PDB file of all heavy atoms in Angstrom:
ATOM      1  N   LEU A   1      81.739 297.661 361.775  1.00  0.00           N
ATOM      2  CA  LEU A   1      81.959 299.000 361.226  1.00  0.00           C
ATOM      3  C   LEU A   1      81.259 299.199 359.884  1.00  0.00           C
ATOM      4  O   LEU A   1      81.371 300.264 359.271  1.00  0.00           O
ATOM      5  CB  LEU A   1      83.457 299.254 361.056  1.00  0.00           C
ATOM      6  CG  LEU A   1      84.282 299.361 362.346  1.00  0.00           C
ATOM      7  CD1 LEU A   1      85.768 299.396 362.022  1.00  0.00           C
ATOM      8  CD2 LEU A   1      83.874 300.596 363.148  1.00  0.00           C
ATOM      9  N   GLY A   2      80.556 298.160 359.408  1.00  0.00           N
ATOM     10  CA  GLY A   2      79.845 298.270 358.143  1.00  0.00           C
ATOM     11  C   GLY A   2      80.666 297.886 356.934  1.00  0.00           C
ATOM     12  O   GLY A   2      80.252 298.145 355.789  1.00  0.00           O
ATOM     13  N   VAL A   3      81.820 297.269 357.155  1.00  0.00           N
ATOM     14  CA  VAL A   3      82.681 296.836 356.052  1.00  0.00           C
ATOM     15  C   VAL A   3      82.254 295.439 355.606  1.00  0.00           C
ATOM     16  O   VAL A   3      82.051 294.545 356.422  1.00  0.00           O
ATOM     17  CB  VAL A   3      84.161 296.821 356.490  1.00  0.00           C
ATOM     18  CG1 VAL A   3      85.053 296.276 355.377  1.00  0.00           C
ATOM     19  CG2 VAL A   3      84.611 298.217 356.904  1.00  0.00           C
ATOM     20  N   ARG A   4      82.131 295.246 354.321  1.00  0.00           N
ATOM     21  CA  ARG A   4      81.822 293.924 353.780  1.00  0.00           C
ATOM     22  C   ARG A   4      83.095 293.101 353.786  1.00  0.00           C
ATOM     23  O   ARG A   4      84.147 293.574 353.334  1.00  0.00           O
ATOM     24  CB  ARG A   4      81.280 294.029 352.359  1.00  0.00           C
ATOM     25  CG  ARG A   4      80.935 292.684 351.725  1.00  0.00           C
ATOM     26  CD  ARG A   4      80.286 292.884 350.361  1.00  0.00           C
ATOM     27  NE  ARG A   4      79.955 291.590 349.768  1.00  0.00           N
ATOM     28  CZ  ARG A   4      80.742 290.933 348.927  1.00  0.00           C
ATOM     29  NH1 ARG A   4      81.919 291.453 348.587  1.00  0.00           N
ATOM     30  NH2 ARG A   4      80.383 289.768 348.420  1.00  0.00           N
ATOM     31  N   VAL A   5      83.052 291.868 354.267  1.00  0.00           N
ATOM     32  CA  VAL A   5      84.269 291.080 354.411  1.00  0.00           C
ATOM     33  C   VAL A   5      84.274 289.864 353.482  1.00  0.00           C
ATOM     34  O   VAL A   5      83.235 289.276 353.199  1.00  0.00           O
ATOM     35  CB  VAL A   5      84.484 290.627 355.869  1.00  0.00           C
ATOM     36  CG1 VAL A   5      84.719 291.827 356.768  1.00  0.00           C
ATOM     37  CG2 VAL A   5      83.323 289.794 356.377  1.00  0.00           C
ATOM     38  N   ILE A   6      85.463 289.543 353.020  1.00  0.00           N
ATOM     39  CA  ILE A   6      85.715 288.322 352.260  1.00  0.00           C
ATOM     40  C   ILE A   6      86.578 287.442 353.150  1.00  0.00           C
ATOM     41  O   ILE A   6      87.693 287.821 353.527  1.00  0.00           O
ATOM     42  CB  ILE A   6      86.455 288.616 350.938  1.00  0.00           C
ATOM     43  CG1 ILE A   6      85.690 289.648 350.111  1.00  0.00           C
ATOM     44  CG2 ILE A   6      86.667 287.331 350.138  1.00  0.00           C
ATOM     45  CD1 ILE A   6      86.490 290.190 348.934  1.00  0.00           C
ATOM     46  N   LEU A   7      86.059 286.290 353.513  1.00  0.00           N
ATOM     47  CA  LEU A   7      86.725 285.411 354.464  1.00  0.00           C
ATOM     48  C   LEU A   7      87.528 284.350 353.721  1.00  0.00           C
ATOM     49  O   LEU A   7      86.977 283.590 352.928  1.00  0.00           O
ATOM     50  CB  LEU A   7      85.684 284.733 355.363  1.00  0.00           C
ATOM     51  CG  LEU A   7      84.689 285.674 356.058  1.00  0.00           C
ATOM     52  CD1 LEU A   7      83.623 284.865 356.784  1.00  0.00           C
ATOM     53  CD2 LEU A   7      85.415 286.606 357.022  1.00  0.00           C
ATOM     54  N   VAL A   8      88.822 284.288 354.001  1.00  0.00           N
ATOM     55  CA  VAL A   8      89.715 283.353 353.314  1.00  0.00           C
ATOM     56  C   VAL A   8      90.394 282.440 354.333  1.00  0.00           C
ATOM     57  O   VAL A   8      90.956 282.917 355.326  1.00  0.00           O
ATOM     58  CB  VAL A   8      90.785 284.100 352.499  1.00  0.00           C
ATOM     59  CG1 VAL A   8      91.753 283.111 351.847  1.00  0.00           C
ATOM     60  CG2 VAL A   8      90.141 284.993 351.456  1.00  0.00           C
ATOM     61  N   ALA A   9      90.337 281.151 354.090  1.00  0.00           N
ATOM     62  CA  ALA A   9      91.053 280.145 354.885  1.00  0.00           C
ATOM     63  C   ALA A   9      90.884 278.810 354.173  1.00  0.00           C
ATOM     64  O   ALA A   9      90.169 278.711 353.168  1.00  0.00           O
ATOM     65  CB  ALA A   9      90.548 280.080 356.314  1.00  0.00           C
ATOM     66  N   ARG A  10      91.504 277.780 354.687  1.00  0.00           N
ATOM     67  CA  ARG A  10      91.384 276.459 354.062  1.00  0.00           C
ATOM     68  C   ARG A  10      90.043 275.794 354.359  1.00  0.00           C
ATOM     69  O   ARG A  10      89.491 275.093 353.525  1.00  0.00           O
ATOM     70  CB  ARG A  10      92.496 275.532 354.567  1.00  0.00           C
ATOM     71  CG  ARG A  10      93.885 275.932 354.137  1.00  0.00           C
ATOM     72  CD  ARG A  10      94.893 274.885 354.572  1.00  0.00           C
ATOM     73  NE  ARG A  10      94.833 274.618 355.998  1.00  0.00           N
ATOM     74  CZ  ARG A  10      95.507 273.657 356.614  1.00  0.00           C
ATOM     75  NH1 ARG A  10      96.288 272.852 355.903  1.00  0.00           N
ATOM     76  NH2 ARG A  10      95.413 273.494 357.916  1.00  0.00           N
ATOM     77  N   ASP A  11      89.545 275.992 355.595  1.00  0.00           N
ATOM     78  CA  ASP A  11      88.379 275.254 356.069  1.00  0.00           C
ATOM     79  C   ASP A  11      87.080 275.962 355.678  1.00  0.00           C
ATOM     80  O   ASP A  11      86.646 276.906 356.337  1.00  0.00           O
ATOM     81  CB  ASP A  11      88.458 275.108 357.595  1.00  0.00           C
ATOM     82  CG  ASP A  11      87.474 274.094 358.150  1.00  0.00           C
ATOM     83  OD1 ASP A  11      86.374 273.970 357.586  1.00  0.00           O
ATOM     84  OD2 ASP A  11      87.801 273.438 359.153  1.00  0.00           O
ATOM     85  N   GLU A  12      86.448 275.490 354.605  1.00  0.00           N
ATOM     86  CA  GLU A  12      85.235 276.141 354.112  1.00  0.00           C
ATOM     87  C   GLU A  12      84.081 276.029 355.106  1.00  0.00           C
ATOM     88  O   GLU A  12      83.265 276.953 355.230  1.00  0.00           O
ATOM     89  CB  GLU A  12      84.823 275.538 352.772  1.00  0.00           C
ATOM     90  CG  GLU A  12      83.651 276.255 352.116  1.00  0.00           C
ATOM     91  CD  GLU A  12      83.413 275.821 350.691  1.00  0.00           C
ATOM     92  OE1 GLU A  12      84.079 274.842 350.252  1.00  0.00           O
ATOM     93  OE2 GLU A  12      82.599 276.452 350.012  1.00  0.00           O
ATOM     94  N   HIS A  13      84.013 274.908 355.825  1.00  0.00           N
ATOM     95  CA  HIS A  13      82.930 274.727 356.791  1.00  0.00           C
ATOM     96  C   HIS A  13      83.010 275.780 357.896  1.00  0.00           C
ATOM     97  O   HIS A  13      81.991 276.396 358.254  1.00  0.00           O
ATOM     98  CB  HIS A  13      83.004 273.322 357.386  1.00  0.00           C
ATOM     99  CG  HIS A  13      81.983 273.076 358.460  1.00  0.00           C
ATOM    100  ND1 HIS A  13      80.647 272.889 358.185  1.00  0.00           N
ATOM    101  CD2 HIS A  13      82.113 273.021 359.821  1.00  0.00           C
ATOM    102  CE1 HIS A  13      79.992 272.709 359.329  1.00  0.00           C
ATOM    103  NE2 HIS A  13      80.850 272.793 360.330  1.00  0.00           N
ATOM    104  N   ARG A  14      84.197 276.008 358.419  1.00  0.00           N
ATOM    105  CA  ARG A  14      84.352 277.009 359.477  1.00  0.00           C
ATOM    106  C   ARG A  14      84.115 278.417 358.947  1.00  0.00           C
ATOM    107  O   ARG A  14      83.554 279.267 359.646  1.00  0.00           O
ATOM    108  CB  ARG A  14      85.740 276.897 360.103  1.00  0.00           C
ATOM    109  CG  ARG A  14      85.972 275.588 360.835  1.00  0.00           C
ATOM    110  CD  ARG A  14      87.286 275.582 361.565  1.00  0.00           C
ATOM    111  NE  ARG A  14      87.289 276.536 362.671  1.00  0.00           N
ATOM    112  CZ  ARG A  14      88.294 276.649 363.536  1.00  0.00           C
ATOM    113  NH1 ARG A  14      89.370 275.897 363.397  1.00  0.00           N
ATOM    114  NH2 ARG A  14      88.234 277.516 364.518  1.00  0.00           N
ATOM    115  N   LEU A  15      84.545 278.673 357.733  1.00  0.00           N
ATOM    116  CA  LEU A  15      84.297 279.983 357.140  1.00  0.00           C
ATOM    117  C   LEU A  15      82.802 280.231 356.968  1.00  0.00           C
ATOM    118  O   LEU A  15      82.307 281.334 357.233  1.00  0.00           O
ATOM    119  CB  LEU A  15      84.991 280.090 355.791  1.00  0.00           C
ATOM    120  CG  LEU A  15      86.512 280.170 355.782  1.00  0.00           C
ATOM    121  CD1 LEU A  15      87.024 280.256 354.360  1.00  0.00           C
ATOM    122  CD2 LEU A  15      87.005 281.361 356.599  1.00  0.00           C
ATOM    123  N   SER A  16      82.076 279.211 356.537  1.00  0.00           N
ATOM    124  CA  SER A  16      80.632 279.356 356.343  1.00  0.00           C
ATOM    125  C   SER A  16      79.928 279.601 357.665  1.00  0.00           C
ATOM    126  O   SER A  16      78.985 280.399 357.749  1.00  0.00           O
ATOM    127  CB  SER A  16      80.067 278.107 355.661  1.00  0.00           C
ATOM    128  OG  SER A  16      80.620 277.957 354.368  1.00  0.00           O
ATOM    129  N   ALA A  17      80.388 278.927 358.724  1.00  0.00           N
ATOM    130  CA  ALA A  17      79.800 279.147 360.048  1.00  0.00           C
ATOM    131  C   ALA A  17      80.043 280.575 360.516  1.00  0.00           C
ATOM    132  O   ALA A  17      79.153 281.224 361.077  1.00  0.00           O
ATOM    133  CB  ALA A  17      80.387 278.143 361.046  1.00  0.00           C
ATOM    134  N   LEU A  18      81.242 281.087 360.291  1.00  0.00           N
ATOM    135  CA  LEU A  18      81.540 282.472 360.662  1.00  0.00           C
ATOM    136  C   LEU A  18      80.723 283.442 359.822  1.00  0.00           C
ATOM    137  O   LEU A  18      80.209 284.445 360.337  1.00  0.00           O
ATOM    138  CB  LEU A  18      83.032 282.747 360.488  1.00  0.00           C
ATOM    139  CG  LEU A  18      83.498 284.172 360.800  1.00  0.00           C
ATOM    140  CD1 LEU A  18      83.211 284.539 362.248  1.00  0.00           C
ATOM    141  CD2 LEU A  18      85.000 284.318 360.486  1.00  0.00           C
ATOM    142  N   ALA A  19      80.574 283.149 358.547  1.00  0.00           N
ATOM    143  CA  ALA A  19      79.771 284.014 357.679  1.00  0.00           C
ATOM    144  C   ALA A  19      78.331 284.093 358.164  1.00  0.00           C
ATOM    145  O   ALA A  19      77.712 285.167 358.165  1.00  0.00           O
ATOM    146  CB  ALA A  19      79.824 283.495 356.246  1.00  0.00           C
ATOM    147  N   THR A  20      77.787 282.960 358.598  1.00  0.00           N
ATOM    148  CA  THR A  20      76.419 282.945 359.135  1.00  0.00           C
ATOM    149  C   THR A  20      76.330 283.799 360.385  1.00  0.00           C
ATOM    150  O   THR A  20      75.370 284.560 360.575  1.00  0.00           O
ATOM    151  CB  THR A  20      76.000 281.500 359.449  1.00  0.00           C
ATOM    152  OG1 THR A  20      76.030 280.730 358.237  1.00  0.00           O
ATOM    153  CG2 THR A  20      74.601 281.467 360.041  1.00  0.00           C
ATOM    154  N   GLU A  21      77.332 283.695 361.248  1.00  0.00           N
ATOM    155  CA  GLU A  21      77.357 284.496 362.480  1.00  0.00           C
ATOM    156  C   GLU A  21      77.393 285.988 362.161  1.00  0.00           C
ATOM    157  O   GLU A  21      76.722 286.799 362.824  1.00  0.00           O
ATOM    158  CB  GLU A  21      78.590 284.134 363.310  1.00  0.00           C
ATOM    159  CG  GLU A  21      78.813 285.034 364.520  1.00  0.00           C
ATOM    160  CD  GLU A  21      80.224 284.955 365.064  1.00  0.00           C
ATOM    161  OE1 GLU A  21      80.847 283.876 364.980  1.00  0.00           O
ATOM    162  OE2 GLU A  21      80.722 285.978 365.585  1.00  0.00           O
ATOM    163  N   LEU A  22      78.149 286.362 361.148  1.00  0.00           N
ATOM    164  CA  LEU A  22      78.364 287.776 360.852  1.00  0.00           C
ATOM    165  C   LEU A  22      77.238 288.409 360.053  1.00  0.00           C
ATOM    166  O   LEU A  22      77.114 289.630 360.040  1.00  0.00           O
ATOM    167  CB  LEU A  22      79.675 287.946 360.076  1.00  0.00           C
ATOM    168  CG  LEU A  22      80.960 287.571 360.818  1.00  0.00           C
ATOM    169  CD1 LEU A  22      82.160 287.723 359.892  1.00  0.00           C
ATOM    170  CD2 LEU A  22      81.147 288.427 362.061  1.00  0.00           C
ATOM    171  N   THR A  23      76.405 287.600 359.394  1.00  0.00           N
ATOM    172  CA  THR A  23      75.373 288.169 358.526  1.00  0.00           C
ATOM    173  C   THR A  23      74.380 289.004 359.323  1.00  0.00           C
ATOM    174  O   THR A  23      74.330 290.217 359.212  1.00  0.00           O
ATOM    175  CB  THR A  23      74.658 287.061 357.745  1.00  0.00           C
ATOM    176  OG1 THR A  23      75.609 286.344 356.971  1.00  0.00           O
ATOM    177  CG2 THR A  23      73.617 287.664 356.828  1.00  0.00           C
ATOM    178  N   ARG A  24      73.568 288.390 360.128  1.00  0.00           N
ATOM    179  CA  ARG A  24      72.661 289.094 361.048  1.00  0.00           C
ATOM    180  C   ARG A  24      72.049 290.360 360.452  1.00  0.00           C
ATOM    181  O   ARG A  24      72.119 291.454 361.002  1.00  0.00           O
ATOM    182  CB  ARG A  24      73.398 289.451 362.338  1.00  0.00           C
ATOM    183  CG  ARG A  24      73.852 288.230 363.118  1.00  0.00           C
ATOM    184  CD  ARG A  24      74.565 288.600 364.384  1.00  0.00           C
ATOM    185  NE  ARG A  24      75.015 287.431 365.107  1.00  0.00           N
ATOM    186  CZ  ARG A  24      75.753 287.462 366.202  1.00  0.00           C
ATOM    187  NH1 ARG A  24      76.139 288.628 366.705  1.00  0.00           N
ATOM    188  NH2 ARG A  24      76.116 286.349 366.816  1.00  0.00           N
ATOM    189  N   GLY A  25      71.477 290.237 359.283  1.00  0.00           N
ATOM    190  CA  GLY A  25      70.804 291.371 358.661  1.00  0.00           C
ATOM    191  C   GLY A  25      71.706 292.211 357.786  1.00  0.00           C
ATOM    192  O   GLY A  25      71.246 292.996 356.977  1.00  0.00           O
ATOM    193  N   ALA A  26      73.043 292.059 357.954  1.00  0.00           N
ATOM    194  CA  ALA A  26      73.966 292.816 357.121  1.00  0.00           C
ATOM    195  C   ALA A  26      74.231 292.048 355.829  1.00  0.00           C
ATOM    196  O   ALA A  26      73.725 290.953 355.623  1.00  0.00           O
ATOM    197  CB  ALA A  26      75.279 293.047 357.884  1.00  0.00           C
ATOM    198  N   THR A  27      75.016 292.642 354.967  1.00  0.00           N
ATOM    199  CA  THR A  27      75.401 291.950 353.739  1.00  0.00           C
ATOM    200  C   THR A  27      76.184 290.703 354.092  1.00  0.00           C
ATOM    201  O   THR A  27      77.121 290.749 354.890  1.00  0.00           O
ATOM    202  CB  THR A  27      76.256 292.868 352.848  1.00  0.00           C
ATOM    203  OG1 THR A  27      75.510 294.051 352.548  1.00  0.00           O
ATOM    204  CG2 THR A  27      76.634 292.171 351.560  1.00  0.00           C
ATOM    205  N   ALA A  28      75.823 289.585 353.517  1.00  0.00           N
ATOM    206  CA  ALA A  28      76.484 288.325 353.844  1.00  0.00           C
ATOM    207  C   ALA A  28      77.938 288.367 353.405  1.00  0.00           C
ATOM    208  O   ALA A  28      78.249 288.797 352.294  1.00  0.00           O
ATOM    209  CB  ALA A  28      75.762 287.168 353.165  1.00  0.00           C
ATOM    210  N   PRO A  29      78.860 287.922 354.265  1.00  0.00           N
ATOM    211  CA  PRO A  29      80.268 287.862 353.868  1.00  0.00           C
ATOM    212  C   PRO A  29      80.469 286.907 352.702  1.00  0.00           C
ATOM    213  O   PRO A  29      79.704 285.965 352.501  1.00  0.00           O
ATOM    214  CB  PRO A  29      80.962 287.332 355.135  1.00  0.00           C
ATOM    215  CG  PRO A  29      80.030 287.662 356.255  1.00  0.00           C
ATOM    216  CD  PRO A  29      78.659 287.539 355.672  1.00  0.00           C
ATOM    217  N   GLU A  30      81.503 287.153 351.953  1.00  0.00           N
ATOM    218  CA  GLU A  30      81.888 286.254 350.875  1.00  0.00           C
ATOM    219  C   GLU A  30      82.857 285.220 351.428  1.00  0.00           C
ATOM    220  O   GLU A  30      83.796 285.567 352.159  1.00  0.00           O
ATOM    221  CB  GLU A  30      82.547 287.051 349.754  1.00  0.00           C
ATOM    222  CG  GLU A  30      82.984 286.235 348.557  1.00  0.00           C
ATOM    223  CD  GLU A  30      83.628 287.089 347.478  1.00  0.00           C
ATOM    224  OE1 GLU A  30      83.366 288.308 347.449  1.00  0.00           O
ATOM    225  OE2 GLU A  30      84.404 286.537 346.673  1.00  0.00           O
ATOM    226  N   VAL A  31      82.676 283.958 351.098  1.00  0.00           N
ATOM    227  CA  VAL A  31      83.540 282.885 351.561  1.00  0.00           C
ATOM    228  C   VAL A  31      84.416 282.422 350.410  1.00  0.00           C
ATOM    229  O   VAL A  31      83.927 282.082 349.336  1.00  0.00           O
ATOM    230  CB  VAL A  31      82.716 281.705 352.122  1.00  0.00           C
ATOM    231  CG1 VAL A  31      83.595 280.492 352.383  1.00  0.00           C
ATOM    232  CG2 VAL A  31      81.994 282.131 353.392  1.00  0.00           C
ATOM    233  N   LEU A  32      85.716 282.421 350.650  1.00  0.00           N
ATOM    234  CA  LEU A  32      86.665 282.009 349.620  1.00  0.00           C
ATOM    235  C   LEU A  32      87.626 281.003 350.250  1.00  0.00           C
ATOM    236  O   LEU A  32      88.618 281.379 350.892  1.00  0.00           O
ATOM    237  CB  LEU A  32      87.418 283.223 349.091  1.00  0.00           C
ATOM    238  CG  LEU A  32      88.456 283.001 347.980  1.00  0.00           C
ATOM    239  CD1 LEU A  32      87.832 282.258 346.803  1.00  0.00           C
ATOM    240  CD2 LEU A  32      89.020 284.342 347.533  1.00  0.00           C
ATOM    241  N   ALA A  33      87.318 279.728 350.115  1.00  0.00           N
ATOM    242  CA  ALA A  33      88.163 278.676 350.684  1.00  0.00           C
ATOM    243  C   ALA A  33      89.376 278.468 349.798  1.00  0.00           C
ATOM    244  O   ALA A  33      89.244 278.213 348.592  1.00  0.00           O
ATOM    245  CB  ALA A  33      87.365 277.379 350.819  1.00  0.00           C
ATOM    246  N   ALA A  34      90.567 278.604 350.379  1.00  0.00           N
ATOM    247  CA  ALA A  34      91.793 278.457 349.598  1.00  0.00           C
ATOM    248  C   ALA A  34      92.962 278.154 350.517  1.00  0.00           C
ATOM    249  O   ALA A  34      93.064 278.708 351.619  1.00  0.00           O
ATOM    250  CB  ALA A  34      92.083 279.732 348.798  1.00  0.00           C
ATOM    251  N   ASP A  35      93.837 277.280 350.068  1.00  0.00           N
ATOM    252  CA  ASP A  35      95.074 276.974 350.779  1.00  0.00           C
ATOM    253  C   ASP A  35      96.168 277.854 350.181  1.00  0.00           C
ATOM    254  O   ASP A  35      96.597 277.647 349.042  1.00  0.00           O
ATOM    255  CB  ASP A  35      95.413 275.486 350.608  1.00  0.00           C
ATOM    256  CG  ASP A  35      96.670 275.083 351.373  1.00  0.00           C
ATOM    257  OD1 ASP A  35      97.357 275.983 351.910  1.00  0.00           O
ATOM    258  OD2 ASP A  35      96.950 273.872 351.438  1.00  0.00           O
ATOM    259  N   LEU A  36      96.631 278.822 350.942  1.00  0.00           N
ATOM    260  CA  LEU A  36      97.597 279.787 350.426  1.00  0.00           C
ATOM    261  C   LEU A  36      98.998 279.209 350.289  1.00  0.00           C
ATOM    262  O   LEU A  36      99.892 279.880 349.753  1.00  0.00           O
ATOM    263  CB  LEU A  36      97.630 281.035 351.303  1.00  0.00           C
ATOM    264  CG  LEU A  36      96.314 281.822 351.390  1.00  0.00           C
ATOM    265  CD1 LEU A  36      96.502 283.067 352.234  1.00  0.00           C
ATOM    266  CD2 LEU A  36      95.797 282.174 350.003  1.00  0.00           C
ATOM    267  N   THR A  37      99.219 277.983 350.766  1.00  0.00           N
ATOM    268  CA  THR A  37     100.508 277.342 350.560  1.00  0.00           C
ATOM    269  C   THR A  37     100.557 276.601 349.227  1.00  0.00           C
ATOM    270  O   THR A  37     101.597 276.047 348.863  1.00  0.00           O
ATOM    271  CB  THR A  37     100.844 276.372 351.698  1.00  0.00           C
ATOM    272  OG1 THR A  37      99.874 275.317 351.739  1.00  0.00           O
ATOM    273  CG2 THR A  37     100.868 277.088 353.042  1.00  0.00           C
TER     274      THR A  37
END
């Protein structure tokens, strides 16, 4: 939909892989690895 996303989870490697998938010419997602517990 054209929304820029900030991806949050514990696993930075998986977040980075998802960010790469989502970029595809669009603005690259921001990755924020964090354990919310």
